[in-house]
C-alpha atoms as a PDB file:
ATOM      1  CA  MET A   1    -103.164-176.731 -89.034  1.00  0.00           C
ATOM      2  CA  PRO A   2    -105.984-175.910 -91.533  1.00  0.00           C
ATOM      3  CA  LYS A   3    -105.808-177.261 -95.010  1.00  0.00           C
ATOM      4  CA  SER A   4    -104.417-175.068 -97.712  1.00  0.00           C
ATOM      5  CA  PRO A   5    -107.075-174.084-100.432  1.00  0.00           C
ATOM      6  CA  LEU A   6    -104.110-174.768-102.833  1.00  0.00           C
ATOM      7  CA  ILE A   7    -104.621-178.597-102.335  1.00  0.00           C
ATOM      8  CA  LYS A   8    -107.767-178.191-104.304  1.00  0.00           C
ATOM      9  CA  LEU A   9    -105.659-177.782-107.624  1.00  0.00           C
ATOM     10  CA  PRO A  10    -104.505-181.031-109.303  1.00  0.00           C
ATOM     11  CA  ASN A  11    -100.972-182.189-108.405  1.00  0.00           C
ATOM     12  CA  ILE A  12    -100.793-179.734-105.317  1.00  0.00           C
ATOM     13  CA  TRP A  13    -100.378-181.590-101.897  1.00  0.00           C
ATOM     14  CA  PRO A  14     -99.750-180.359 -98.492  1.00  0.00           C
ATOM     15  CA  THR A  15     -96.064-180.240 -98.890  1.00  0.00           C
ATOM     16  CA  SER A  16     -96.207-178.251-102.140  1.00  0.00           C
ATOM     17  CA  ALA A  17     -98.694-175.884-100.743  1.00  0.00           C
ATOM     18  CA  GLU A  18     -96.484-175.087 -97.820  1.00  0.00           C
ATOM     19  CA  ALA A  19     -93.484-174.412-100.277  1.00  0.00           C
ATOM     20  CA  LEU A  20     -95.902-172.156-102.416  1.00  0.00           C
ATOM     21  CA  LYS A  21     -96.621-170.108 -99.398  1.00  0.00           C
ATOM     22  CA  LYS A  22     -92.926-169.379 -98.830  1.00  0.00           C
ATOM     23  CA  ILE A  23     -93.054-167.521-102.299  1.00  0.00           C
ATOM     24  CA  TRP A  24     -96.393-165.604-101.221  1.00  0.00           C
ATOM     25  CA  ILE A  25     -98.748-167.862-103.117  1.00  0.00           C
ATOM     26  CA  THR A  26    -101.751-168.819-100.889  1.00  0.00           C
ATOM     27  CA  THR A  27    -104.765-169.261-102.899  1.00  0.00           C
ATOM     28  CA  PRO A  28    -105.636-171.135-106.243  1.00  0.00           C
ATOM     29  CA  GLU A  29    -106.397-167.589-107.738  1.00  0.00           C
ATOM     30  CA  GLU A  30    -102.800-166.382-106.889  1.00  0.00           C
ATOM     31  CA  PHE A  31    -101.384-169.592-108.165  1.00  0.00           C
ATOM     32  CA  LEU A  32    -103.362-169.563-111.424  1.00  0.00           C
ATOM     33  CA  ALA A  33    -102.416-165.904-112.214  1.00  0.00           C
ATOM     34  CA  ARG A  34     -98.793-166.732-112.248  1.00  0.00           C
ATOM     35  CA  ASP A  35     -96.701-168.333-114.932  1.00  0.00           C
ATOM     36  CA  PRO A  36     -96.012-172.018-113.781  1.00  0.00           C
ATOM     37  CA  TYR A  37     -92.243-172.023-114.974  1.00  0.00           C
ATOM     38  CA  GLU A  38     -91.693-168.800-113.114  1.00  0.00           C
ATOM     39  CA  VAL A  39     -93.460-170.252-110.030  1.00  0.00           C
ATOM     40  CA  PHE A  40     -90.950-173.305-110.350  1.00  0.00           C
ATOM     41  CA  TYR A  41     -88.097-171.142-110.873  1.00  0.00           C
ATOM     42  CA  ALA A  42     -88.927-169.314-107.653  1.00  0.00           C
ATOM     43  CA  LEU A  43     -89.413-172.462-105.597  1.00  0.00           C
ATOM     44  CA  LYS A  44     -86.173-173.725-106.938  1.00  0.00           C
ATOM     45  CA  THR A  45     -84.083-170.621-106.398  1.00  0.00           C
ATOM     46  CA  LYS A  46     -85.734-169.269-103.095  1.00  0.00           C
ATOM     47  CA  VAL A  47     -87.076-172.318-101.336  1.00  0.00           C
ATOM     48  CA  ASP A  48     -85.454-175.659-102.340  1.00  0.00           C
ATOM     49  CA  PRO A  49     -82.577-175.992-105.045  1.00  0.00           C
ATOM     50  CA  THR A  50     -82.950-179.777-105.045  1.00  0.00           C
ATOM     51  CA  LEU A  51     -86.403-179.877-106.734  1.00  0.00           C
ATOM     52  CA  CYS A  52     -86.925-182.276-109.498  1.00  0.00           C
ATOM     53  CA  ARG A  53     -88.696-182.434-112.865  1.00  0.00           C
ATOM     54  CA  CYS A  54     -91.541-184.234-111.306  1.00  0.00           C
ATOM     55  CA  VAL A  55     -92.363-180.985-109.087  1.00  0.00           C
ATOM     56  CA  LEU A  56     -91.910-178.991-112.263  1.00  0.00           C
ATOM     57  CA  ALA A  57     -94.523-181.281-114.023  1.00  0.00           C
ATOM     58  CA  SER A  58     -96.770-181.006-110.890  1.00  0.00           C
ATOM     59  CA  ILE A  59     -96.819-177.237-110.823  1.00  0.00           C
ATOM     60  CA  VAL A  60     -97.189-176.920-114.804  1.00  0.00           C
ATOM     61  CA  GLY A  61     -99.830-179.678-114.647  1.00  0.00           C
ATOM     62  CA  ALA A  62    -101.729-177.773-111.782  1.00  0.00           C
ATOM     63  CA  LYS A  63    -101.927-174.840-113.865  1.00  0.00           C
ATOM     64  CA  GLN A  64    -102.978-176.667-116.999  1.00  0.00           C
ATOM     65  CA  GLY A  65    -105.441-178.806-115.046  1.00  0.00           C
ATOM     66  CA  VAL A  66    -103.662-182.170-116.163  1.00  0.00           C
ATOM     67  CA  LYS A  67    -101.688-185.000-114.286  1.00  0.00           C
ATOM     68  CA  ARG A  68     -98.095-184.437-113.976  1.00  0.00           C
ATOM     69  CA  ASN A  69     -97.016-187.645-115.617  1.00  0.00           C
ATOM     70  CA  THR A  70     -98.711-186.483-118.929  1.00  0.00           C
ATOM     71  CA  ILE A  71     -96.571-183.431-119.259  1.00  0.00           C
ATOM     72  CA  ARG A  72     -93.163-184.084-117.470  1.00  0.00           C
ATOM     73  CA  ILE A  73     -91.103-184.268-120.774  1.00  0.00           C
ATOM     74  CA  THR A  74     -92.455-181.211-122.383  1.00  0.00           C
ATOM     75  CA  ALA A  75     -92.575-179.354-119.066  1.00  0.00           C
ATOM     76  CA  THR A  76     -88.784-180.096-118.575  1.00  0.00           C
ATOM     77  CA  GLN A  77     -87.993-179.003-122.269  1.00  0.00           C
ATOM     78  CA  GLU A  78     -89.706-175.793-122.067  1.00  0.00           C
ATOM     79  CA  PHE A  79     -88.207-175.003-118.657  1.00  0.00           C
ATOM     80  CA  GLU A  80     -84.753-175.895-119.824  1.00  0.00           C
ATOM     81  CA  LYS A  81     -85.292-173.552-122.906  1.00  0.00           C
ATOM     82  CA  ARG A  82     -86.315-170.627-120.703  1.00  0.00           C
ATOM     83  CA  TYR A  83     -83.723-171.313-117.664  1.00  0.00           C
ATOM     84  CA  SER A  84     -80.894-172.822-119.436  1.00  0.00           C
ATOM     85  CA  GLU A  85     -78.576-171.848-116.459  1.00  0.00           C
ATOM     86  CA  MET A  86     -80.471-174.091-114.128  1.00  0.00           C
ATOM     87  CA  GLN A  87     -78.871-177.386-113.057  1.00  0.00           C
ATOM     88  CA  TRP A  88     -80.936-180.370-112.000  1.00  0.00           C
ATOM     89  CA  LYS A  89     -79.770-182.024-108.687  1.00  0.00           C
ATOM     90  CA  THR A  90     -79.755-185.945-108.368  1.00  0.00           C
ATOM     91  CA  VAL A  91     -81.720-185.468-105.034  1.00  0.00           C
ATOM     92  CA  ARG A  92     -85.522-185.950-105.536  1.00  0.00           C
ATOM     93  CA  LYS A  93     -88.219-184.238-103.546  1.00  0.00           C
ATOM     94  CA  TRP A  94     -91.918-184.679-103.734  1.00  0.00           C
ATOM     95  CA  CYS A  95     -91.863-187.177-106.561  1.00  0.00           C
END
């Protein structure tokens, strides 16, 4: 299988690129045109409800061009403010 062009973005690995493809994001340009919190929400609600804060930080970091560990706390706070109805699962994926 050919490598996804999405893995050129920081924090995006083959597994996350495959998940992004399930919500119709296949290129860096498509990804960068979207709000990262909306992207994570779509992944969590349509692809995998067990996604964790590390995945959120990876998505936000890919958009901002920074490593996920530098923004995990602020990304989590912003997501929880926007999507207060969402619940975090204890099962971790991609972390």
